[in-house]
Amino acid sequence: MAQSGHQGSHAGSAKSWLAVSIILIGFTFGGVALTLGPNWLFVWIGVGICAVGGLLALAFDIFSDVIVDAPREVPVQEHHSPFEHRSITS
């Protein structure tokens, strides 16, 4: 199988994780501020942090980190559920 520039890793690059981490921090900050009051100033600060993370994600082009694997061939196995209605034929 041909290896890509990522050597087959699904981990993504550090800059992509930085953008995602900033978005997660903003979401968490805003969510906590929303439940504690709600404190609308801190909610909007969280929204702003998420927006900064989103802009970084666009600038870093984080969707280019996606690794597309070759299709996998998984054999189909026959199985029956205990709730399945099977007719008994003689």
PDB file of N, CA and C in Angstrom:
ATOM      1  N   MET A   1       0.850  -1.173   0.000  1.00  0.00           N
ATOM      2  CA  MET A   1       0.000   0.000   0.000  1.00  0.00           C
ATOM      3  C   MET A   1       0.891   1.230   0.000  1.00  0.00           C
ATOM      4  N   ALA A   2       0.556   2.201  -0.797  1.00  0.00           N
ATOM      5  CA  ALA A   2       1.352   3.420  -0.895  1.00  0.00           C
ATOM      6  C   ALA A   2       1.182   4.278   0.353  1.00  0.00           C
ATOM      7  N   GLN A   3       2.291   4.786   0.840  1.00  0.00           N
ATOM      8  CA  GLN A   3       2.266   5.629   2.027  1.00  0.00           C
ATOM      9  C   GLN A   3       2.146   7.086   1.614  1.00  0.00           C
ATOM     10  N   SER A   4       1.378   7.840   2.402  1.00  0.00           N
ATOM     11  CA  SER A   4       1.242   9.267   2.135  1.00  0.00           C
ATOM     12  C   SER A   4       2.315  10.015   2.908  1.00  0.00           C
ATOM     13  N   GLY A   5       2.281  11.331   2.878  1.00  0.00           N
ATOM     14  CA  GLY A   5       3.212  12.152   3.621  1.00  0.00           C
ATOM     15  C   GLY A   5       3.059  11.998   5.120  1.00  0.00           C
ATOM     16  N   HIS A   6       1.928  11.454   5.575  1.00  0.00           N
ATOM     17  CA  HIS A   6       1.675  11.282   7.000  1.00  0.00           C
ATOM     18  C   HIS A   6       2.104   9.905   7.500  1.00  0.00           C
ATOM     19  N   GLN A   7       2.719   9.056   6.666  1.00  0.00           N
ATOM     20  CA  GLN A   7       3.116   7.700   6.999  1.00  0.00           C
ATOM     21  C   GLN A   7       1.951   6.879   7.548  1.00  0.00           C
ATOM     22  N   GLY A   8       0.753   7.079   7.022  1.00  0.00           N
ATOM     23  CA  GLY A   8      -0.393   6.274   7.394  1.00  0.00           C
ATOM     24  C   GLY A   8      -1.004   6.631   8.737  1.00  0.00           C
ATOM     25  N   SER A   9      -0.615   7.716   9.338  1.00  0.00           N
ATOM     26  CA  SER A   9      -1.131   8.097  10.650  1.00  0.00           C
ATOM     27  C   SER A   9      -2.426   8.882  10.503  1.00  0.00           C
ATOM     28  N   HIS A  10      -3.365   8.640  11.417  1.00  0.00           N
ATOM     29  CA  HIS A  10      -4.621   9.373  11.438  1.00  0.00           C
ATOM     30  C   HIS A  10      -4.585  10.503  12.467  1.00  0.00           C
ATOM     31  N   ALA A  11      -3.427  10.784  13.022  1.00  0.00           N
ATOM     32  CA  ALA A  11      -3.329  11.722  14.139  1.00  0.00           C
ATOM     33  C   ALA A  11      -3.515  13.177  13.716  1.00  0.00           C
ATOM     34  N   GLY A  12      -3.205  13.551  12.518  1.00  0.00           N
ATOM     35  CA  GLY A  12      -3.294  14.948  12.113  1.00  0.00           C
ATOM     36  C   GLY A  12      -2.042  15.694  12.525  1.00  0.00           C
ATOM     37  N   SER A  13      -1.920  16.917  12.059  1.00  0.00           N
ATOM     38  CA  SER A  13      -0.730  17.708  12.361  1.00  0.00           C
ATOM     39  C   SER A  13      -0.932  18.515  13.640  1.00  0.00           C
ATOM     40  N   ALA A  14       0.162  19.028  14.171  1.00  0.00           N
ATOM     41  CA  ALA A  14       0.117  19.801  15.421  1.00  0.00           C
ATOM     42  C   ALA A  14      -0.671  21.096  15.241  1.00  0.00           C
ATOM     43  N   LYS A  15      -0.560  21.720  14.077  1.00  0.00           N
ATOM     44  CA  LYS A  15      -1.297  22.969  13.868  1.00  0.00           C
ATOM     45  C   LYS A  15      -2.803  22.727  13.808  1.00  0.00           C
ATOM     46  N   SER A  16      -3.215  21.570  13.298  1.00  0.00           N
ATOM     47  CA  SER A  16      -4.637  21.230  13.300  1.00  0.00           C
ATOM     48  C   SER A  16      -5.132  21.002  14.717  1.00  0.00           C
ATOM     49  N   TRP A  17      -4.346  20.319  15.530  1.00  0.00           N
ATOM     50  CA  TRP A  17      -4.731  20.093  16.920  1.00  0.00           C
ATOM     51  C   TRP A  17      -4.754  21.394  17.702  1.00  0.00           C
ATOM     52  N   LEU A  18      -3.887  22.339  17.362  1.00  0.00           N
ATOM     53  CA  LEU A  18      -3.909  23.647  18.024  1.00  0.00           C
ATOM     54  C   LEU A  18      -5.231  24.355  17.741  1.00  0.00           C
ATOM     55  N   ALA A  19      -5.664  24.367  16.498  1.00  0.00           N
ATOM     56  CA  ALA A  19      -6.924  25.022  16.134  1.00  0.00           C
ATOM     57  C   ALA A  19      -8.106  24.341  16.822  1.00  0.00           C
ATOM     58  N   VAL A  20      -8.123  23.023  16.834  1.00  0.00           N
ATOM     59  CA  VAL A  20      -9.220  22.289  17.466  1.00  0.00           C
ATOM     60  C   VAL A  20      -9.211  22.518  18.975  1.00  0.00           C
ATOM     61  N   SER A  21      -8.031  22.568  19.579  1.00  0.00           N
ATOM     62  CA  SER A  21      -7.932  22.813  21.017  1.00  0.00           C
ATOM     63  C   SER A  21      -8.445  24.194  21.391  1.00  0.00           C
ATOM     64  N   ILE A  22      -8.153  25.197  20.582  1.00  0.00           N
ATOM     65  CA  ILE A  22      -8.644  26.552  20.841  1.00  0.00           C
ATOM     66  C   ILE A  22     -10.166  26.591  20.736  1.00  0.00           C
ATOM     67  N   ILE A  23     -10.719  25.918  19.751  1.00  0.00           N
ATOM     68  CA  ILE A  23     -12.178  25.853  19.617  1.00  0.00           C
ATOM     69  C   ILE A  23     -12.783  25.159  20.831  1.00  0.00           C
ATOM     70  N   LEU A  24     -12.173  24.073  21.272  1.00  0.00           N
ATOM     71  CA  LEU A  24     -12.678  23.334  22.433  1.00  0.00           C
ATOM     72  C   LEU A  24     -12.590  24.177  23.710  1.00  0.00           C
ATOM     73  N   ILE A  25     -11.510  24.921  23.884  1.00  0.00           N
ATOM     74  CA  ILE A  25     -11.372  25.793  25.050  1.00  0.00           C
ATOM     75  C   ILE A  25     -12.445  26.874  25.036  1.00  0.00           C
ATOM     76  N   GLY A  26     -12.681  27.487  23.886  1.00  0.00           N
ATOM     77  CA  GLY A  26     -13.725  28.507  23.782  1.00  0.00           C
ATOM     78  C   GLY A  26     -15.099  27.949  24.053  1.00  0.00           C
ATOM     79  N   PHE A  27     -15.374  26.752  23.539  1.00  0.00           N
ATOM     80  CA  PHE A  27     -16.674  26.119  23.753  1.00  0.00           C
ATOM     81  C   PHE A  27     -16.884  25.800  25.231  1.00  0.00           C
ATOM     82  N   THR A  28     -15.848  25.271  25.868  1.00  0.00           N
ATOM     83  CA  THR A  28     -15.932  24.936  27.289  1.00  0.00           C
ATOM     84  C   THR A  28     -16.092  26.190  28.137  1.00  0.00           C
ATOM     85  N   PHE A  29     -15.312  27.218  27.840  1.00  0.00           N
ATOM     86  CA  PHE A  29     -15.390  28.475  28.580  1.00  0.00           C
ATOM     87  C   PHE A  29     -16.784  29.084  28.459  1.00  0.00           C
ATOM     88  N   GLY A  30     -17.308  29.143  27.259  1.00  0.00           N
ATOM     89  CA  GLY A  30     -18.643  29.691  27.047  1.00  0.00           C
ATOM     90  C   GLY A  30     -19.724  28.841  27.676  1.00  0.00           C
ATOM     91  N   GLY A  31     -19.558  27.510  27.624  1.00  0.00           N
ATOM     92  CA  GLY A  31     -20.543  26.620  28.221  1.00  0.00           C
ATOM     93  C   GLY A  31     -20.594  26.733  29.729  1.00  0.00           C
ATOM     94  N   VAL A  32     -19.433  26.850  30.362  1.00  0.00           N
ATOM     95  CA  VAL A  32     -19.397  27.028  31.812  1.00  0.00           C
ATOM     96  C   VAL A  32     -20.000  28.375  32.188  1.00  0.00           C
ATOM     97  N   ALA A  33     -19.671  29.415  31.428  1.00  0.00           N
ATOM     98  CA  ALA A  33     -20.234  30.739  31.705  1.00  0.00           C
ATOM     99  C   ALA A  33     -21.748  30.748  31.520  1.00  0.00           C
ATOM    100  N   LEU A  34     -22.243  29.961  30.590  1.00  0.00           N
ATOM    101  CA  LEU A  34     -23.682  29.891  30.361  1.00  0.00           C
ATOM    102  C   LEU A  34     -24.399  29.210  31.524  1.00  0.00           C
ATOM    103  N   THR A  35     -23.765  28.207  32.106  1.00  0.00           N
ATOM    104  CA  THR A  35     -24.408  27.504  33.212  1.00  0.00           C
ATOM    105  C   THR A  35     -24.256  28.227  34.543  1.00  0.00           C
ATOM    106  N   LEU A  36     -23.297  29.101  34.666  1.00  0.00           N
ATOM    107  CA  LEU A  36     -23.071  29.830  35.917  1.00  0.00           C
ATOM    108  C   LEU A  36     -23.708  31.210  35.838  1.00  0.00           C
ATOM    109  N   GLY A  37     -24.957  31.262  35.747  1.00  0.00           N
ATOM    110  CA  GLY A  37     -25.589  32.581  35.804  1.00  0.00           C
ATOM    111  C   GLY A  37     -26.780  32.746  34.918  1.00  0.00           C
ATOM    112  N   PRO A  38     -26.739  32.936  33.707  1.00  0.00           N
ATOM    113  CA  PRO A  38     -25.637  32.970  32.743  1.00  0.00           C
ATOM    114  C   PRO A  38     -24.908  34.316  32.760  1.00  0.00           C
ATOM    115  N   ASN A  39     -23.616  34.240  32.619  1.00  0.00           N
ATOM    116  CA  ASN A  39     -22.775  35.431  32.544  1.00  0.00           C
ATOM    117  C   ASN A  39     -22.526  35.705  31.060  1.00  0.00           C
ATOM    118  N   TRP A  40     -23.297  36.604  30.486  1.00  0.00           N
ATOM    119  CA  TRP A  40     -23.301  36.795  29.032  1.00  0.00           C
ATOM    120  C   TRP A  40     -21.991  37.354  28.510  1.00  0.00           C
ATOM    121  N   LEU A  41     -21.281  38.140  29.311  1.00  0.00           N
ATOM    122  CA  LEU A  41     -19.983  38.651  28.854  1.00  0.00           C
ATOM    123  C   LEU A  41     -19.031  37.488  28.581  1.00  0.00           C
ATOM    124  N   PHE A  42     -18.956  36.537  29.522  1.00  0.00           N
ATOM    125  CA  PHE A  42     -18.058  35.407  29.343  1.00  0.00           C
ATOM    126  C   PHE A  42     -18.551  34.430  28.275  1.00  0.00           C
ATOM    127  N   VAL A  43     -19.861  34.353  28.081  1.00  0.00           N
ATOM    128  CA  VAL A  43     -20.387  33.532  26.992  1.00  0.00           C
ATOM    129  C   VAL A  43     -19.892  34.076  25.658  1.00  0.00           C
ATOM    130  N   TRP A  44     -19.985  35.376  25.478  1.00  0.00           N
ATOM    131  CA  TRP A  44     -19.541  35.980  24.213  1.00  0.00           C
ATOM    132  C   TRP A  44     -18.029  35.944  24.062  1.00  0.00           C
ATOM    133  N   ILE A  45     -17.296  35.975  25.171  1.00  0.00           N
ATOM    134  CA  ILE A  45     -15.843  35.783  25.083  1.00  0.00           C
ATOM    135  C   ILE A  45     -15.545  34.368  24.595  1.00  0.00           C
ATOM    136  N   GLY A  46     -16.296  33.383  25.093  1.00  0.00           N
ATOM    137  CA  GLY A  46     -16.143  32.007  24.616  1.00  0.00           C
ATOM    138  C   GLY A  46     -16.469  31.870  23.138  1.00  0.00           C
ATOM    139  N   VAL A  47     -17.514  32.568  22.706  1.00  0.00           N
ATOM    140  CA  VAL A  47     -17.862  32.554  21.275  1.00  0.00           C
ATOM    141  C   VAL A  47     -16.725  33.163  20.456  1.00  0.00           C
ATOM    142  N   GLY A  48     -16.133  34.228  20.972  1.00  0.00           N
ATOM    143  CA  GLY A  48     -15.002  34.865  20.272  1.00  0.00           C
ATOM    144  C   GLY A  48     -13.792  33.949  20.183  1.00  0.00           C
ATOM    145  N   ILE A  49     -13.521  33.216  21.274  1.00  0.00           N
ATOM    146  CA  ILE A  49     -12.409  32.265  21.249  1.00  0.00           C
ATOM    147  C   ILE A  49     -12.671  31.162  20.227  1.00  0.00           C
ATOM    148  N   CYS A  50     -13.916  30.692  20.166  1.00  0.00           N
ATOM    149  CA  CYS A  50     -14.279  29.687  19.144  1.00  0.00           C
ATOM    150  C   CYS A  50     -14.096  30.249  17.738  1.00  0.00           C
ATOM    151  N   ALA A  51     -14.457  31.500  17.542  1.00  0.00           N
ATOM    152  CA  ALA A  51     -14.307  32.116  16.219  1.00  0.00           C
ATOM    153  C   ALA A  51     -12.837  32.227  15.830  1.00  0.00           C
ATOM    154  N   VAL A  52     -11.990  32.580  16.796  1.00  0.00           N
ATOM    155  CA  VAL A  52     -10.549  32.649  16.518  1.00  0.00           C
ATOM    156  C   VAL A  52     -10.032  31.264  16.142  1.00  0.00           C
ATOM    157  N   GLY A  53     -10.457  30.238  16.872  1.00  0.00           N
ATOM    158  CA  GLY A  53     -10.063  28.878  16.530  1.00  0.00           C
ATOM    159  C   GLY A  53     -10.560  28.461  15.153  1.00  0.00           C
ATOM    160  N   GLY A  54     -11.779  28.883  14.807  1.00  0.00           N
ATOM    161  CA  GLY A  54     -12.304  28.582  13.476  1.00  0.00           C
ATOM    162  C   GLY A  54     -11.517  29.256  12.370  1.00  0.00           C
ATOM    163  N   LEU A  55     -11.117  30.492  12.609  1.00  0.00           N
ATOM    164  CA  LEU A  55     -10.285  31.193  11.617  1.00  0.00           C
ATOM    165  C   LEU A  55      -8.922  30.526  11.481  1.00  0.00           C
ATOM    166  N   LEU A  56      -8.362  30.084  12.600  1.00  0.00           N
ATOM    167  CA  LEU A  56      -7.093  29.351  12.526  1.00  0.00           C
ATOM    168  C   LEU A  56      -7.274  28.039  11.766  1.00  0.00           C
ATOM    169  N   ALA A  57      -8.400  27.359  11.988  1.00  0.00           N
ATOM    170  CA  ALA A  57      -8.669  26.113  11.277  1.00  0.00           C
ATOM    171  C   ALA A  57      -8.747  26.342   9.769  1.00  0.00           C
ATOM    172  N   LEU A  58      -9.376  27.446   9.383  1.00  0.00           N
ATOM    173  CA  LEU A  58      -9.428  27.772   7.949  1.00  0.00           C
ATOM    174  C   LEU A  58      -8.043  28.116   7.412  1.00  0.00           C
ATOM    175  N   ALA A  59      -7.271  28.879   8.191  1.00  0.00           N
ATOM    176  CA  ALA A  59      -5.935  29.275   7.741  1.00  0.00           C
ATOM    177  C   ALA A  59      -5.000  28.071   7.649  1.00  0.00           C
ATOM    178  N   PHE A  60      -5.123  27.129   8.589  1.00  0.00           N
ATOM    179  CA  PHE A  60      -4.259  25.950   8.589  1.00  0.00           C
ATOM    180  C   PHE A  60      -4.742  24.870   7.643  1.00  0.00           C
ATOM    181  N   ASP A  61      -5.945  25.020   7.108  1.00  0.00           N
ATOM    182  CA  ASP A  61      -6.553  24.043   6.202  1.00  0.00           C
ATOM    183  C   ASP A  61      -6.539  22.650   6.823  1.00  0.00           C
ATOM    184  N   ILE A  62      -7.235  22.537   7.975  1.00  0.00           N
ATOM    185  CA  ILE A  62      -7.161  21.297   8.739  1.00  0.00           C
ATOM    186  C   ILE A  62      -7.833  20.120   8.037  1.00  0.00           C
ATOM    187  N   PHE A  63      -8.691  20.374   7.078  1.00  0.00           N
ATOM    188  CA  PHE A  63      -9.340  19.263   6.380  1.00  0.00           C
ATOM    189  C   PHE A  63      -8.384  18.557   5.419  1.00  0.00           C
ATOM    190  N   SER A  64      -7.230  19.144   5.153  1.00  0.00           N
ATOM    191  CA  SER A  64      -6.256  18.460   4.306  1.00  0.00           C
ATOM    192  C   SER A  64      -5.511  17.374   5.073  1.00  0.00           C
ATOM    193  N   ASP A  65      -5.711  17.296   6.400  1.00  0.00           N
ATOM    194  CA  ASP A  65      -5.075  16.256   7.201  1.00  0.00           C
ATOM    195  C   ASP A  65      -5.805  14.927   7.129  1.00  0.00           C
ATOM    196  N   VAL A  66      -6.920  14.870   6.453  1.00  0.00           N
ATOM    197  CA  VAL A  66      -7.712  13.651   6.388  1.00  0.00           C
ATOM    198  C   VAL A  66      -6.975  12.618   5.539  1.00  0.00           C
ATOM    199  N   ILE A  67      -6.853  11.420   6.085  1.00  0.00           N
ATOM    200  CA  ILE A  67      -6.215  10.318   5.369  1.00  0.00           C
ATOM    201  C   ILE A  67      -7.319   9.432   4.804  1.00  0.00           C
ATOM    202  N   VAL A  68      -7.275   9.189   3.516  1.00  0.00           N
ATOM    203  CA  VAL A  68      -8.262   8.324   2.885  1.00  0.00           C
ATOM    204  C   VAL A  68      -7.623   6.962   2.681  1.00  0.00           C
ATOM    205  N   ASP A  69      -8.124   5.976   3.416  1.00  0.00           N
ATOM    206  CA  ASP A  69      -7.596   4.618   3.316  1.00  0.00           C
ATOM    207  C   ASP A  69      -8.200   3.906   2.116  1.00  0.00           C
ATOM    208  N   ALA A  70      -7.535   2.838   1.744  1.00  0.00           N
ATOM    209  CA  ALA A  70      -8.092   1.965   0.719  1.00  0.00           C
ATOM    210  C   ALA A  70      -9.316   1.271   1.302  1.00  0.00           C
ATOM    211  N   PRO A  71     -10.299   0.949   0.484  1.00  0.00           N
ATOM    212  CA  PRO A  71     -11.490   0.271   1.003  1.00  0.00           C
ATOM    213  C   PRO A  71     -11.123  -1.069   1.645  1.00  0.00           C
ATOM    214  N   ARG A  72     -11.790  -1.386   2.710  1.00  0.00           N
ATOM    215  CA  ARG A  72     -11.536  -2.647   3.416  1.00  0.00           C
ATOM    216  C   ARG A  72     -12.595  -3.671   3.011  1.00  0.00           C
ATOM    217  N   GLU A  73     -12.154  -4.879   2.824  1.00  0.00           N
ATOM    218  CA  GLU A  73     -13.043  -5.983   2.497  1.00  0.00           C
ATOM    219  C   GLU A  73     -13.326  -6.751   3.782  1.00  0.00           C
ATOM    220  N   VAL A  74     -14.516  -6.612   4.315  1.00  0.00           N
ATOM    221  CA  VAL A  74     -14.901  -7.317   5.537  1.00  0.00           C
ATOM    222  C   VAL A  74     -15.892  -8.400   5.144  1.00  0.00           C
ATOM    223  N   PRO A  75     -15.566  -9.662   5.444  1.00  0.00           N
ATOM    224  CA  PRO A  75     -16.492 -10.732   5.064  1.00  0.00           C
ATOM    225  C   PRO A  75     -17.780 -10.648   5.888  1.00  0.00           C
ATOM    226  N   VAL A  76     -18.880 -10.952   5.225  1.00  0.00           N
ATOM    227  CA  VAL A  76     -20.186 -10.912   5.876  1.00  0.00           C
ATOM    228  C   VAL A  76     -20.365 -12.211   6.650  1.00  0.00           C
ATOM    229  N   GLN A  77     -20.758 -12.087   7.911  1.00  0.00           N
ATOM    230  CA  GLN A  77     -21.011 -13.261   8.725  1.00  0.00           C
ATOM    231  C   GLN A  77     -22.498 -13.340   9.021  1.00  0.00           C
ATOM    232  N   GLU A  78     -23.034 -14.535   8.860  1.00  0.00           N
ATOM    233  CA  GLU A  78     -24.456 -14.712   9.131  1.00  0.00           C
ATOM    234  C   GLU A  78     -24.666 -14.796  10.638  1.00  0.00           C
ATOM    235  N   HIS A  79     -25.624 -14.051  11.123  1.00  0.00           N
ATOM    236  CA  HIS A  79     -25.956 -14.091  12.540  1.00  0.00           C
ATOM    237  C   HIS A  79     -27.459 -13.869  12.687  1.00  0.00           C
ATOM    238  N   HIS A  80     -27.999 -14.364  13.783  1.00  0.00           N
ATOM    239  CA  HIS A  80     -29.431 -14.257  14.022  1.00  0.00           C
ATOM    240  C   HIS A  80     -29.667 -13.639  15.387  1.00  0.00           C
ATOM    241  N   SER A  81     -30.610 -12.766  15.447  1.00  0.00           N
ATOM    242  CA  SER A  81     -31.006 -12.142  16.697  1.00  0.00           C
ATOM    243  C   SER A  81     -31.993 -13.042  17.421  1.00  0.00           C
ATOM    244  N   PRO A  82     -31.965 -13.039  18.761  1.00  0.00           N
ATOM    245  CA  PRO A  82     -32.978 -13.833  19.470  1.00  0.00           C
ATOM    246  C   PRO A  82     -34.388 -13.282  19.259  1.00  0.00           C
ATOM    247  N   PHE A  83     -34.499 -12.082  18.775  1.00  0.00           N
ATOM    248  CA  PHE A  83     -35.804 -11.464  18.541  1.00  0.00           C
ATOM    249  C   PHE A  83     -36.286 -11.652  17.105  1.00  0.00           C
ATOM    250  N   GLU A  84     -35.488 -12.290  16.298  1.00  0.00           N
ATOM    251  CA  GLU A  84     -35.830 -12.496  14.897  1.00  0.00           C
ATOM    252  C   GLU A  84     -36.882 -13.603  14.798  1.00  0.00           C
ATOM    253  N   HIS A  85     -37.886 -13.391  13.990  1.00  0.00           N
ATOM    254  CA  HIS A  85     -38.950 -14.362  13.775  1.00  0.00           C
ATOM    255  C   HIS A  85     -38.595 -15.230  12.575  1.00  0.00           C
ATOM    256  N   ARG A  86     -38.233 -16.451  12.883  1.00  0.00           N
ATOM    257  CA  ARG A  86     -37.920 -17.392  11.824  1.00  0.00           C
ATOM    258  C   ARG A  86     -39.023 -18.440  11.763  1.00  0.00           C
ATOM    259  N   SER A  87     -39.440 -18.739  10.577  1.00  0.00           N
ATOM    260  CA  SER A  87     -40.467 -19.781  10.442  1.00  0.00           C
ATOM    261  C   SER A  87     -39.794 -21.142  10.445  1.00  0.00           C
ATOM    262  N   ILE A  88     -40.443 -22.072  11.105  1.00  0.00           N
ATOM    263  CA  ILE A  88     -39.914 -23.435  11.179  1.00  0.00           C
ATOM    264  C   ILE A  88     -40.580 -24.229  10.062  1.00  0.00           C
ATOM    265  N   THR A  89     -39.763 -24.708   9.169  1.00  0.00           N
ATOM    266  CA  THR A  89     -40.276 -25.501   8.047  1.00  0.00           C
ATOM    267  C   THR A  89     -39.855 -26.949   8.263  1.00  0.00           C
ATOM    268  N   SER A  90     -40.696 -27.849   7.861  1.00  0.00           N
ATOM    269  CA  SER A  90     -40.378 -29.271   8.043  1.00  0.00           C
ATOM    270  C   SER A  90     -40.017 -29.924   6.738  1.00  0.00           C
TER     271      SER A  90
END
